[in-house]
Amino acid sequence: MRKVFFALFLVIFSLSCSNFSDEPVQVDTIYSMDDASKLGIKNLMKGDFETEFPEATHAKWGFWKGREVAILRYESVEKARTLGKTAAEEQTELVEVVESNIAHGPKVEKTKCRGDAYGGTPYRLSPKYNIGIGGTLILNKSSFKDLDVEMGNQRGTRGGCVRREPLYIQFKVHGNLVIMIEPMPEEDRPAMDKIIDEVVSKLP
């Protein structure tokens, strides 16, 4: 009988440990923007949001390994976990398309055109907006007509922007910082979680 109880205890203990390990690690560290500037995010202190985030001391964005990364900073961990979490949820809100091609919540400031008419990966850029090399627009004489059609059709329709989604898809609250990231083509959410963890690992 004792062996049975001991075996049950081991099973319950192992299950509880595995569940505990899946929980996100809560960090109570207070970071400054000087700390955030050491993450290697290019032009972090130059990019400003137009949106006002209640009680955020800073709301900045920049670029990290080809993707855009945003940081909201709060005076306390508690504010980051409450106000910051709400702000990040609003900025990453992805919705079903009901009106035209709009696939983002009403408070999303930064958006991007994604998808194609034939399905495919969720974060693939719409082909007509993935122009140029490395984000640089290259034109020739035959390009002007097509460019005019594309830019005039941003809210539209077949052949234009299929889905206008939030630029940032995933976020993490770490200490008093909220970090939001843009996905790269072919990435899923678990991959983005790893990217955020890689960014966070560079904090002091």
N, C-alpha and C. Protein backbone atom coordinates (compact mmCIF):
# COMPACT_ATOMS: atom_id res chain seq x y z
N MET A 1 0.83 -1.20 0.00
CA MET A 1 0.00 0.00 0.00
C MET A 1 0.87 1.27 0.00
N ARG A 2 1.92 1.23 0.83
CA ARG A 2 2.81 2.40 0.89
C ARG A 2 3.45 2.66 -0.47
N LYS A 3 3.79 1.55 -1.17
CA LYS A 3 4.41 1.71 -2.48
C LYS A 3 3.46 2.38 -3.47
N VAL A 4 2.16 2.03 -3.35
CA VAL A 4 1.16 2.63 -4.24
C VAL A 4 1.05 4.13 -3.98
N PHE A 5 0.96 4.50 -2.69
CA PHE A 5 0.86 5.92 -2.34
C PHE A 5 2.11 6.67 -2.78
N PHE A 6 3.27 6.05 -2.61
CA PHE A 6 4.53 6.70 -3.01
C PHE A 6 4.58 6.91 -4.52
N ALA A 7 4.10 5.90 -5.27
CA ALA A 7 4.08 6.02 -6.73
C ALA A 7 3.14 7.14 -7.17
N LEU A 8 1.96 7.22 -6.54
CA LEU A 8 1.01 8.29 -6.86
C LEU A 8 1.61 9.66 -6.55
N PHE A 9 2.30 9.74 -5.41
CA PHE A 9 2.94 11.00 -5.02
C PHE A 9 3.95 11.44 -6.08
N LEU A 10 4.76 10.50 -6.58
CA LEU A 10 5.76 10.83 -7.60
C LEU A 10 5.11 11.32 -8.88
N VAL A 11 4.00 10.67 -9.27
CA VAL A 11 3.30 11.08 -10.50
C VAL A 11 2.76 12.49 -10.36
N ILE A 12 2.08 12.75 -9.24
CA ILE A 12 1.50 14.08 -9.01
C ILE A 12 2.58 15.14 -8.95
N PHE A 13 3.67 14.83 -8.26
CA PHE A 13 4.78 15.78 -8.13
C PHE A 13 5.40 16.10 -9.49
N SER A 14 5.59 15.07 -10.32
CA SER A 14 6.20 15.29 -11.63
C SER A 14 5.30 16.11 -12.53
N LEU A 15 3.98 15.86 -12.45
CA LEU A 15 3.03 16.64 -13.25
C LEU A 15 3.01 18.09 -12.82
N SER A 16 3.03 18.33 -11.52
CA SER A 16 3.01 19.71 -11.02
C SER A 16 4.27 20.44 -11.42
N CYS A 17 5.40 19.75 -11.41
CA CYS A 17 6.66 20.38 -11.81
C CYS A 17 6.66 20.73 -13.29
N SER A 18 6.10 19.82 -14.11
CA SER A 18 6.07 20.10 -15.55
C SER A 18 5.17 21.27 -15.85
N ASN A 19 4.02 21.37 -15.16
CA ASN A 19 3.13 22.51 -15.36
C ASN A 19 3.79 23.80 -14.92
N PHE A 20 4.51 23.72 -13.83
CA PHE A 20 5.18 24.92 -13.31
C PHE A 20 6.24 25.42 -14.29
N SER A 21 6.95 24.50 -14.94
CA SER A 21 8.00 24.90 -15.85
C SER A 21 7.47 25.57 -17.10
N ASP A 22 6.17 25.30 -17.43
CA ASP A 22 5.57 25.92 -18.61
C ASP A 22 5.13 27.36 -18.35
N GLU A 23 5.06 27.75 -17.09
CA GLU A 23 4.63 29.10 -16.76
C GLU A 23 5.71 30.12 -17.13
N PRO A 24 5.30 31.29 -17.65
CA PRO A 24 6.31 32.30 -17.95
C PRO A 24 7.02 32.78 -16.69
N VAL A 25 8.29 33.01 -16.80
CA VAL A 25 9.08 33.46 -15.66
C VAL A 25 8.75 34.91 -15.35
N GLN A 26 8.38 35.21 -14.13
CA GLN A 26 8.07 36.57 -13.72
C GLN A 26 9.34 37.25 -13.22
N VAL A 27 9.69 38.37 -13.83
CA VAL A 27 10.90 39.10 -13.47
C VAL A 27 10.48 40.43 -12.85
N ASP A 28 11.05 40.75 -11.69
CA ASP A 28 10.69 41.98 -10.99
C ASP A 28 11.72 43.09 -11.16
N THR A 29 12.61 42.94 -12.11
CA THR A 29 13.66 43.94 -12.33
C THR A 29 13.10 45.21 -12.96
N ILE A 30 13.61 46.35 -12.49
CA ILE A 30 13.26 47.64 -13.09
C ILE A 30 14.39 48.04 -14.03
N TYR A 31 14.08 48.15 -15.31
CA TYR A 31 15.07 48.50 -16.32
C TYR A 31 14.92 49.96 -16.73
N SER A 32 16.04 50.58 -17.04
CA SER A 32 16.03 51.94 -17.58
C SER A 32 16.07 51.87 -19.10
N MET A 33 15.87 53.00 -19.77
CA MET A 33 16.00 53.01 -21.22
C MET A 33 17.46 52.86 -21.63
N ASP A 34 18.39 53.20 -20.75
CA ASP A 34 19.80 52.92 -21.03
C ASP A 34 20.02 51.41 -21.12
N ASP A 35 19.36 50.67 -20.24
CA ASP A 35 19.44 49.20 -20.31
C ASP A 35 18.86 48.71 -21.64
N ALA A 36 17.71 49.27 -22.01
CA ALA A 36 17.04 48.85 -23.24
C ALA A 36 17.88 49.18 -24.47
N SER A 37 18.63 50.26 -24.39
CA SER A 37 19.45 50.66 -25.53
C SER A 37 20.59 49.68 -25.79
N LYS A 38 20.88 48.82 -24.81
CA LYS A 38 21.95 47.83 -24.97
C LYS A 38 21.47 46.53 -25.64
N LEU A 39 20.21 46.50 -26.04
CA LEU A 39 19.66 45.31 -26.66
C LEU A 39 20.11 45.16 -28.11
N GLY A 40 20.71 46.18 -28.67
CA GLY A 40 21.14 46.12 -30.06
C GLY A 40 20.06 46.46 -31.05
N ILE A 41 18.99 47.13 -30.57
CA ILE A 41 17.91 47.55 -31.45
C ILE A 41 18.31 48.87 -32.11
N LYS A 42 18.43 48.87 -33.42
CA LYS A 42 18.90 50.04 -34.14
C LYS A 42 17.85 51.16 -34.11
N ASN A 43 18.34 52.37 -33.88
CA ASN A 43 17.50 53.57 -33.90
C ASN A 43 16.36 53.52 -32.88
N LEU A 44 16.56 52.79 -31.77
CA LEU A 44 15.50 52.61 -30.78
C LEU A 44 15.01 53.94 -30.23
N MET A 45 15.92 54.85 -29.94
CA MET A 45 15.52 56.11 -29.31
C MET A 45 14.99 57.14 -30.31
N LYS A 46 15.00 56.80 -31.60
CA LYS A 46 14.50 57.73 -32.62
C LYS A 46 13.06 57.46 -33.02
N GLY A 47 12.61 56.21 -32.84
CA GLY A 47 11.27 55.86 -33.26
C GLY A 47 10.25 56.11 -32.17
N ASP A 48 9.27 56.97 -32.45
CA ASP A 48 8.24 57.31 -31.47
C ASP A 48 6.86 56.87 -31.97
N PHE A 49 6.01 56.46 -31.06
CA PHE A 49 4.61 56.18 -31.38
C PHE A 49 3.80 57.47 -31.34
N GLU A 50 2.76 57.54 -32.14
CA GLU A 50 1.79 58.63 -32.03
C GLU A 50 0.79 58.33 -30.92
N THR A 51 0.52 57.05 -30.70
CA THR A 51 -0.41 56.64 -29.65
C THR A 51 0.15 57.01 -28.28
N GLU A 52 -0.72 57.49 -27.41
CA GLU A 52 -0.33 57.77 -26.03
C GLU A 52 -0.72 56.58 -25.16
N PHE A 53 0.27 55.97 -24.57
CA PHE A 53 0.03 54.82 -23.70
C PHE A 53 -0.01 55.31 -22.25
N PRO A 54 -1.15 55.18 -21.58
CA PRO A 54 -1.28 55.70 -20.21
C PRO A 54 -0.17 55.22 -19.29
N GLU A 55 0.50 56.20 -18.66
CA GLU A 55 1.53 55.99 -17.63
C GLU A 55 2.81 55.32 -18.14
N ALA A 56 2.93 55.16 -19.45
CA ALA A 56 4.21 54.67 -19.98
C ALA A 56 5.21 55.82 -19.99
N THR A 57 6.42 55.56 -19.53
CA THR A 57 7.44 56.61 -19.53
C THR A 57 8.09 56.74 -20.90
N HIS A 58 8.11 55.64 -21.67
CA HIS A 58 8.68 55.65 -23.01
C HIS A 58 7.89 54.70 -23.89
N ALA A 59 7.79 55.03 -25.18
CA ALA A 59 7.19 54.15 -26.18
C ALA A 59 8.02 54.31 -27.45
N LYS A 60 8.93 53.38 -27.67
CA LYS A 60 9.92 53.51 -28.74
C LYS A 60 9.93 52.25 -29.62
N TRP A 61 10.41 52.43 -30.84
CA TRP A 61 10.58 51.29 -31.72
C TRP A 61 11.84 51.46 -32.55
N GLY A 62 12.38 50.32 -32.98
CA GLY A 62 13.58 50.31 -33.81
C GLY A 62 13.66 48.99 -34.53
N PHE A 63 14.85 48.61 -34.98
CA PHE A 63 15.01 47.42 -35.80
C PHE A 63 16.05 46.47 -35.20
N TRP A 64 15.73 45.19 -35.22
CA TRP A 64 16.62 44.17 -34.68
C TRP A 64 16.63 42.99 -35.64
N LYS A 65 17.77 42.78 -36.30
CA LYS A 65 17.95 41.68 -37.25
C LYS A 65 16.85 41.64 -38.30
N GLY A 66 16.55 42.80 -38.86
CA GLY A 66 15.62 42.88 -39.98
C GLY A 66 14.16 42.98 -39.62
N ARG A 67 13.82 42.94 -38.35
CA ARG A 67 12.42 43.06 -37.93
C ARG A 67 12.26 44.27 -37.04
N GLU A 68 11.05 44.79 -36.98
CA GLU A 68 10.80 45.93 -36.10
C GLU A 68 10.45 45.42 -34.70
N VAL A 69 11.03 46.07 -33.72
CA VAL A 69 10.80 45.73 -32.32
C VAL A 69 10.41 47.00 -31.57
N ALA A 70 9.39 46.91 -30.73
CA ALA A 70 8.94 48.06 -29.96
C ALA A 70 9.07 47.79 -28.48
N ILE A 71 9.36 48.85 -27.73
CA ILE A 71 9.48 48.73 -26.27
C ILE A 71 8.64 49.81 -25.60
N LEU A 72 7.78 49.38 -24.70
CA LEU A 72 7.05 50.28 -23.82
C LEU A 72 7.66 50.13 -22.43
N ARG A 73 8.00 51.26 -21.81
CA ARG A 73 8.59 51.21 -20.48
C ARG A 73 7.66 51.85 -19.47
N TYR A 74 7.56 51.23 -18.30
CA TYR A 74 6.72 51.74 -17.21
C TYR A 74 7.58 51.91 -15.96
N GLU A 75 7.11 52.72 -15.04
CA GLU A 75 7.88 52.98 -13.82
C GLU A 75 7.94 51.76 -12.91
N SER A 76 6.94 50.89 -12.99
CA SER A 76 6.90 49.73 -12.10
C SER A 76 6.54 48.48 -12.88
N VAL A 77 6.88 47.34 -12.29
CA VAL A 77 6.53 46.05 -12.88
C VAL A 77 5.03 45.87 -12.91
N GLU A 78 4.36 46.32 -11.84
CA GLU A 78 2.91 46.17 -11.76
C GLU A 78 2.22 46.91 -12.90
N LYS A 79 2.67 48.11 -13.22
CA LYS A 79 2.06 48.87 -14.32
C LYS A 79 2.33 48.20 -15.66
N ALA A 80 3.50 47.62 -15.81
CA ALA A 80 3.81 46.91 -17.05
C ALA A 80 2.91 45.69 -17.21
N ARG A 81 2.64 45.00 -16.09
CA ARG A 81 1.82 43.78 -16.15
C ARG A 81 0.34 44.07 -16.32
N THR A 82 -0.08 45.29 -16.03
CA THR A 82 -1.49 45.65 -16.16
C THR A 82 -1.70 46.59 -17.36
N LEU A 83 -1.28 47.84 -17.20
CA LEU A 83 -1.44 48.82 -18.27
C LEU A 83 -0.65 48.42 -19.52
N GLY A 84 0.58 47.95 -19.30
CA GLY A 84 1.42 47.57 -20.44
C GLY A 84 0.86 46.37 -21.18
N LYS A 85 0.37 45.39 -20.46
CA LYS A 85 -0.21 44.20 -21.09
C LYS A 85 -1.43 44.59 -21.92
N THR A 86 -2.25 45.47 -21.37
CA THR A 86 -3.43 45.94 -22.12
C THR A 86 -3.01 46.67 -23.39
N ALA A 87 -2.01 47.55 -23.26
CA ALA A 87 -1.53 48.30 -24.43
C ALA A 87 -1.00 47.35 -25.51
N ALA A 88 -0.24 46.35 -25.10
CA ALA A 88 0.32 45.40 -26.06
C ALA A 88 -0.78 44.56 -26.72
N GLU A 89 -1.77 44.18 -25.95
CA GLU A 89 -2.88 43.42 -26.53
C GLU A 89 -3.62 44.26 -27.56
N GLU A 90 -3.77 45.55 -27.29
CA GLU A 90 -4.44 46.45 -28.25
C GLU A 90 -3.62 46.63 -29.51
N GLN A 91 -2.29 46.70 -29.37
CA GLN A 91 -1.43 46.92 -30.53
C GLN A 91 -1.19 45.66 -31.36
N THR A 92 -1.49 44.50 -30.81
CA THR A 92 -1.29 43.24 -31.54
C THR A 92 -2.62 42.56 -31.86
N GLU A 93 -3.71 43.29 -31.74
CA GLU A 93 -5.03 42.68 -31.89
C GLU A 93 -5.31 42.31 -33.36
N LEU A 94 -5.40 41.03 -33.62
CA LEU A 94 -5.69 40.51 -34.95
C LEU A 94 -7.15 40.07 -34.97
N VAL A 95 -7.93 40.54 -35.94
CA VAL A 95 -9.36 40.24 -36.01
C VAL A 95 -9.71 39.63 -37.36
N GLU A 96 -10.87 39.01 -37.41
CA GLU A 96 -11.37 38.49 -38.68
C GLU A 96 -11.74 39.65 -39.59
N VAL A 97 -11.50 39.47 -40.87
CA VAL A 97 -11.84 40.52 -41.83
C VAL A 97 -13.36 40.58 -41.99
N VAL A 98 -13.93 41.73 -41.66
CA VAL A 98 -15.36 41.97 -41.83
C VAL A 98 -15.58 43.09 -42.83
N GLU A 99 -14.80 44.16 -42.67
CA GLU A 99 -14.92 45.32 -43.55
C GLU A 99 -13.68 45.42 -44.42
N SER A 100 -13.88 45.38 -45.73
CA SER A 100 -12.79 45.50 -46.70
C SER A 100 -11.70 44.49 -46.35
N ASN A 101 -10.48 44.98 -46.13
CA ASN A 101 -9.36 44.07 -45.83
C ASN A 101 -8.83 44.27 -44.42
N ILE A 102 -9.59 44.93 -43.55
CA ILE A 102 -9.12 45.30 -42.22
C ILE A 102 -9.09 44.09 -41.30
N ALA A 103 -7.89 43.72 -40.85
CA ALA A 103 -7.73 42.54 -39.98
C ALA A 103 -7.03 42.93 -38.68
N HIS A 104 -7.24 44.18 -38.24
CA HIS A 104 -6.61 44.63 -36.99
C HIS A 104 -7.63 45.39 -36.15
N GLY A 105 -7.36 45.42 -34.85
CA GLY A 105 -8.24 46.11 -33.93
C GLY A 105 -8.20 47.62 -34.12
N PRO A 106 -9.16 48.34 -33.55
CA PRO A 106 -9.29 49.79 -33.77
C PRO A 106 -8.17 50.63 -33.18
N LYS A 107 -7.41 50.10 -32.21
CA LYS A 107 -6.36 50.89 -31.57
C LYS A 107 -4.96 50.57 -32.11
N VAL A 108 -4.87 49.67 -33.07
CA VAL A 108 -3.57 49.32 -33.64
C VAL A 108 -3.03 50.51 -34.43
N GLU A 109 -1.84 50.98 -34.07
CA GLU A 109 -1.25 52.12 -34.77
C GLU A 109 -0.47 51.69 -36.01
N LYS A 110 0.37 50.68 -35.87
CA LYS A 110 1.25 50.29 -36.96
C LYS A 110 0.74 48.99 -37.60
N THR A 111 0.51 49.05 -38.90
CA THR A 111 -0.05 47.90 -39.60
C THR A 111 0.85 47.50 -40.77
N LYS A 112 0.56 46.31 -41.31
CA LYS A 112 1.32 45.84 -42.46
C LYS A 112 0.41 44.97 -43.33
N CYS A 113 0.63 45.03 -44.63
CA CYS A 113 -0.17 44.25 -45.56
C CYS A 113 0.42 42.85 -45.67
N ARG A 114 -0.39 41.83 -45.37
CA ARG A 114 0.10 40.46 -45.38
C ARG A 114 -0.88 39.54 -46.10
N GLY A 115 -0.36 38.38 -46.47
CA GLY A 115 -1.21 37.35 -47.06
C GLY A 115 -1.27 37.46 -48.57
N ASP A 116 -1.91 36.45 -49.18
CA ASP A 116 -2.17 36.49 -50.60
C ASP A 116 -3.51 35.83 -50.85
N ALA A 117 -3.99 35.95 -52.05
CA ALA A 117 -5.33 35.46 -52.36
C ALA A 117 -5.41 33.94 -52.37
N TYR A 118 -4.27 33.28 -52.25
CA TYR A 118 -4.24 31.83 -52.36
C TYR A 118 -3.88 31.15 -51.05
N GLY A 119 -3.99 31.87 -49.94
CA GLY A 119 -3.65 31.29 -48.65
C GLY A 119 -2.16 31.39 -48.40
N GLY A 120 -1.58 30.34 -47.80
CA GLY A 120 -0.15 30.35 -47.52
C GLY A 120 0.12 30.71 -46.08
N THR A 121 1.36 31.01 -45.78
CA THR A 121 1.75 31.29 -44.41
C THR A 121 1.09 32.57 -43.92
N PRO A 122 0.73 32.65 -42.64
CA PRO A 122 -0.06 33.78 -42.15
C PRO A 122 0.65 35.12 -42.19
N TYR A 123 1.97 35.15 -42.13
CA TYR A 123 2.66 36.43 -42.04
C TYR A 123 3.42 36.77 -43.31
N ARG A 124 3.11 36.06 -44.41
CA ARG A 124 3.75 36.38 -45.67
C ARG A 124 3.29 37.76 -46.13
N LEU A 125 4.22 38.56 -46.64
CA LEU A 125 3.85 39.87 -47.15
C LEU A 125 3.06 39.72 -48.43
N SER A 126 2.08 40.62 -48.63
CA SER A 126 1.38 40.63 -49.91
C SER A 126 2.38 40.88 -51.02
N PRO A 127 2.35 40.10 -52.09
CA PRO A 127 3.38 40.20 -53.12
C PRO A 127 3.58 41.60 -53.66
N LYS A 128 2.51 42.36 -53.86
CA LYS A 128 2.65 43.67 -54.49
C LYS A 128 3.28 44.70 -53.56
N TYR A 129 3.39 44.36 -52.28
CA TYR A 129 4.01 45.31 -51.36
C TYR A 129 5.42 44.89 -50.98
N ASN A 130 5.81 43.72 -51.44
CA ASN A 130 7.16 43.24 -51.17
C ASN A 130 8.03 43.59 -52.38
N ILE A 131 8.22 44.89 -52.60
CA ILE A 131 8.88 45.36 -53.80
C ILE A 131 10.26 45.88 -53.48
N GLY A 132 11.14 45.80 -54.48
CA GLY A 132 12.48 46.32 -54.28
C GLY A 132 13.41 45.28 -53.67
N ILE A 133 14.56 45.74 -53.27
CA ILE A 133 15.56 44.88 -52.64
C ILE A 133 15.89 45.45 -51.27
N GLY A 134 15.68 44.65 -50.24
CA GLY A 134 15.97 45.11 -48.89
C GLY A 134 15.15 46.31 -48.47
N GLY A 135 13.90 46.38 -48.98
CA GLY A 135 13.03 47.49 -48.60
C GLY A 135 13.27 48.74 -49.42
N THR A 136 14.17 48.69 -50.41
CA THR A 136 14.45 49.84 -51.25
C THR A 136 13.63 49.75 -52.52
N LEU A 137 12.87 50.78 -52.83
CA LEU A 137 12.00 50.80 -53.99
C LEU A 137 12.84 51.05 -55.24
N ILE A 138 12.68 50.15 -56.23
CA ILE A 138 13.41 50.29 -57.49
C ILE A 138 12.40 50.46 -58.61
N LEU A 139 12.52 51.52 -59.39
CA LEU A 139 11.57 51.83 -60.43
C LEU A 139 12.24 51.85 -61.79
N ASN A 140 11.48 51.47 -62.83
CA ASN A 140 11.88 51.74 -64.20
C ASN A 140 10.65 52.29 -64.91
N LYS A 141 10.74 52.57 -66.18
CA LYS A 141 9.63 53.23 -66.87
C LYS A 141 8.36 52.40 -66.83
N SER A 142 8.48 51.09 -66.88
CA SER A 142 7.30 50.24 -66.90
C SER A 142 6.70 50.06 -65.51
N SER A 143 7.38 50.57 -64.47
CA SER A 143 6.91 50.36 -63.10
C SER A 143 5.89 51.39 -62.67
N PHE A 144 5.88 52.56 -63.26
CA PHE A 144 5.08 53.65 -62.73
C PHE A 144 3.59 53.36 -62.76
N LYS A 145 3.11 52.77 -63.83
CA LYS A 145 1.68 52.48 -63.93
C LYS A 145 1.26 51.47 -62.87
N ASP A 146 2.03 50.38 -62.74
CA ASP A 146 1.70 49.36 -61.75
C ASP A 146 1.78 49.92 -60.34
N LEU A 147 2.78 50.77 -60.07
CA LEU A 147 2.93 51.35 -58.74
C LEU A 147 1.74 52.21 -58.39
N ASP A 148 1.24 52.96 -59.35
CA ASP A 148 0.08 53.82 -59.12
C ASP A 148 -1.15 53.00 -58.77
N VAL A 149 -1.32 51.87 -59.45
CA VAL A 149 -2.46 51.00 -59.17
C VAL A 149 -2.34 50.41 -57.78
N GLU A 150 -1.13 49.97 -57.41
CA GLU A 150 -0.93 49.35 -56.10
C GLU A 150 -1.19 50.33 -54.98
N MET A 151 -0.61 51.52 -55.07
CA MET A 151 -0.74 52.47 -53.98
C MET A 151 -2.16 53.01 -53.87
N GLY A 152 -2.88 53.02 -54.97
CA GLY A 152 -4.26 53.49 -54.92
C GLY A 152 -5.22 52.44 -54.42
N ASN A 153 -4.73 51.24 -54.18
CA ASN A 153 -5.60 50.14 -53.82
C ASN A 153 -5.28 49.59 -52.44
N GLN A 154 -4.74 50.42 -51.56
CA GLN A 154 -4.27 49.93 -50.27
C GLN A 154 -5.38 49.41 -49.38
N ARG A 155 -6.60 49.91 -49.52
CA ARG A 155 -7.68 49.46 -48.65
C ARG A 155 -8.51 48.38 -49.33
N GLY A 156 -8.05 47.91 -50.46
CA GLY A 156 -8.94 47.19 -51.29
C GLY A 156 -8.77 45.75 -51.32
N THR A 157 -8.57 45.03 -52.07
CA THR A 157 -9.39 44.24 -52.89
C THR A 157 -8.54 43.22 -53.55
N ARG A 158 -9.09 42.52 -54.43
CA ARG A 158 -8.32 41.47 -55.12
C ARG A 158 -7.17 42.10 -55.88
N GLY A 159 -6.00 41.52 -55.75
CA GLY A 159 -4.83 42.05 -56.43
C GLY A 159 -4.14 43.13 -55.64
N GLY A 160 -4.80 43.65 -54.59
CA GLY A 160 -4.18 44.68 -53.77
C GLY A 160 -3.79 44.11 -52.43
N CYS A 161 -4.06 44.86 -51.39
CA CYS A 161 -3.73 44.41 -50.04
C CYS A 161 -4.81 43.42 -49.57
N VAL A 162 -4.43 42.19 -49.37
CA VAL A 162 -5.40 41.16 -48.99
C VAL A 162 -5.86 41.35 -47.55
N ARG A 163 -4.90 41.49 -46.61
CA ARG A 163 -5.23 41.70 -45.20
C ARG A 163 -4.28 42.73 -44.62
N ARG A 164 -4.84 43.77 -44.04
CA ARG A 164 -4.00 44.74 -43.33
C ARG A 164 -4.04 44.36 -41.86
N GLU A 165 -2.92 43.81 -41.36
CA GLU A 165 -2.83 43.25 -40.02
C GLU A 165 -1.95 44.11 -39.12
N PRO A 166 -1.97 43.84 -37.81
CA PRO A 166 -1.03 44.55 -36.93
C PRO A 166 0.41 44.26 -37.34
N LEU A 167 1.24 45.27 -37.29
CA LEU A 167 2.67 45.06 -37.56
C LEU A 167 3.26 44.11 -36.53
N TYR A 168 2.93 44.35 -35.26
CA TYR A 168 3.43 43.50 -34.18
C TYR A 168 2.41 42.40 -33.90
N ILE A 169 2.89 41.18 -33.84
CA ILE A 169 1.99 40.04 -33.65
C ILE A 169 2.15 39.43 -32.26
N GLN A 170 3.34 39.52 -31.68
CA GLN A 170 3.62 38.86 -30.40
C GLN A 170 4.27 39.85 -29.44
N PHE A 171 4.04 39.66 -28.15
CA PHE A 171 4.64 40.53 -27.15
C PHE A 171 4.97 39.75 -25.88
N LYS A 172 5.80 40.39 -25.04
CA LYS A 172 6.16 39.80 -23.76
C LYS A 172 6.37 40.92 -22.74
N VAL A 173 5.86 40.70 -21.54
CA VAL A 173 6.12 41.62 -20.43
C VAL A 173 7.32 41.08 -19.66
N HIS A 174 8.36 41.88 -19.54
CA HIS A 174 9.58 41.45 -18.85
C HIS A 174 10.01 42.56 -17.90
N GLY A 175 9.84 42.31 -16.61
CA GLY A 175 10.11 43.37 -15.64
C GLY A 175 9.15 44.53 -15.88
N ASN A 176 9.70 45.73 -16.02
CA ASN A 176 8.85 46.90 -16.28
C ASN A 176 8.82 47.26 -17.76
N LEU A 177 9.27 46.32 -18.61
CA LEU A 177 9.27 46.55 -20.05
C LEU A 177 8.24 45.66 -20.74
N VAL A 178 7.65 46.20 -21.78
CA VAL A 178 6.79 45.42 -22.67
C VAL A 178 7.46 45.43 -24.04
N ILE A 179 7.73 44.24 -24.57
CA ILE A 179 8.45 44.12 -25.84
C ILE A 179 7.52 43.49 -26.87
N MET A 180 7.35 44.19 -28.00
CA MET A 180 6.50 43.71 -29.08
C MET A 180 7.37 43.51 -30.32
N ILE A 181 7.08 42.46 -31.11
CA ILE A 181 7.91 42.20 -32.28
C ILE A 181 7.08 41.96 -33.53
N GLU A 182 7.71 42.28 -34.65
CA GLU A 182 7.16 42.00 -35.97
C GLU A 182 7.64 40.61 -36.41
N PRO A 183 6.75 39.79 -36.96
CA PRO A 183 7.19 38.49 -37.46
C PRO A 183 7.88 38.62 -38.81
N MET A 184 8.74 37.69 -39.10
CA MET A 184 9.32 37.56 -40.43
C MET A 184 8.54 36.49 -41.18
N PRO A 185 8.55 36.51 -42.52
CA PRO A 185 7.83 35.48 -43.28
C PRO A 185 8.25 34.08 -42.85
N GLU A 186 7.29 33.19 -42.80
CA GLU A 186 7.47 31.77 -42.46
C GLU A 186 7.54 31.52 -40.96
N GLU A 187 7.49 32.56 -40.12
CA GLU A 187 7.58 32.34 -38.68
C GLU A 187 6.20 32.11 -38.07
N ASP A 188 6.15 31.27 -37.03
CA ASP A 188 4.93 31.09 -36.26
C ASP A 188 5.15 31.70 -34.88
N ARG A 189 4.13 31.62 -34.04
CA ARG A 189 4.23 32.27 -32.72
C ARG A 189 5.31 31.66 -31.83
N PRO A 190 5.45 30.33 -31.79
CA PRO A 190 6.57 29.78 -30.98
C PRO A 190 7.92 30.31 -31.42
N ALA A 191 8.11 30.49 -32.72
CA ALA A 191 9.38 31.04 -33.21
C ALA A 191 9.57 32.47 -32.73
N MET A 192 8.48 33.23 -32.70
CA MET A 192 8.57 34.62 -32.23
C MET A 192 8.83 34.69 -30.73
N ASP A 193 8.28 33.73 -29.99
CA ASP A 193 8.58 33.68 -28.55
C ASP A 193 10.08 33.50 -28.32
N LYS A 194 10.70 32.65 -29.12
CA LYS A 194 12.14 32.43 -28.99
C LYS A 194 12.92 33.70 -29.34
N ILE A 195 12.45 34.44 -30.33
CA ILE A 195 13.11 35.69 -30.71
C ILE A 195 13.04 36.70 -29.57
N ILE A 196 11.86 36.81 -28.97
CA ILE A 196 11.71 37.74 -27.83
C ILE A 196 12.64 37.34 -26.70
N ASP A 197 12.72 36.04 -26.42
CA ASP A 197 13.62 35.57 -25.37
C ASP A 197 15.07 35.89 -25.69
N GLU A 198 15.41 35.82 -26.98
CA GLU A 198 16.78 36.15 -27.39
C GLU A 198 17.06 37.62 -27.18
N VAL A 199 16.08 38.47 -27.48
CA VAL A 199 16.23 39.91 -27.25
C VAL A 199 16.39 40.18 -25.76
N VAL A 200 15.49 39.59 -24.97
CA VAL A 200 15.48 39.82 -23.52
C VAL A 200 16.78 39.35 -22.87
N SER A 201 17.38 38.30 -23.40
CA SER A 201 18.60 37.75 -22.80
C SER A 201 19.76 38.74 -22.81
N LYS A 202 19.65 39.78 -23.61
CA LYS A 202 20.72 40.78 -23.69
C LYS A 202 20.58 41.90 -22.67
N LEU A 203 19.47 41.87 -21.91
CA LEU A 203 19.32 42.86 -20.84
C LEU A 203 20.31 42.57 -19.72
N PRO A 204 20.81 43.60 -19.05
CA PRO A 204 21.77 43.39 -17.95
C PRO A 204 21.10 42.75 -16.74
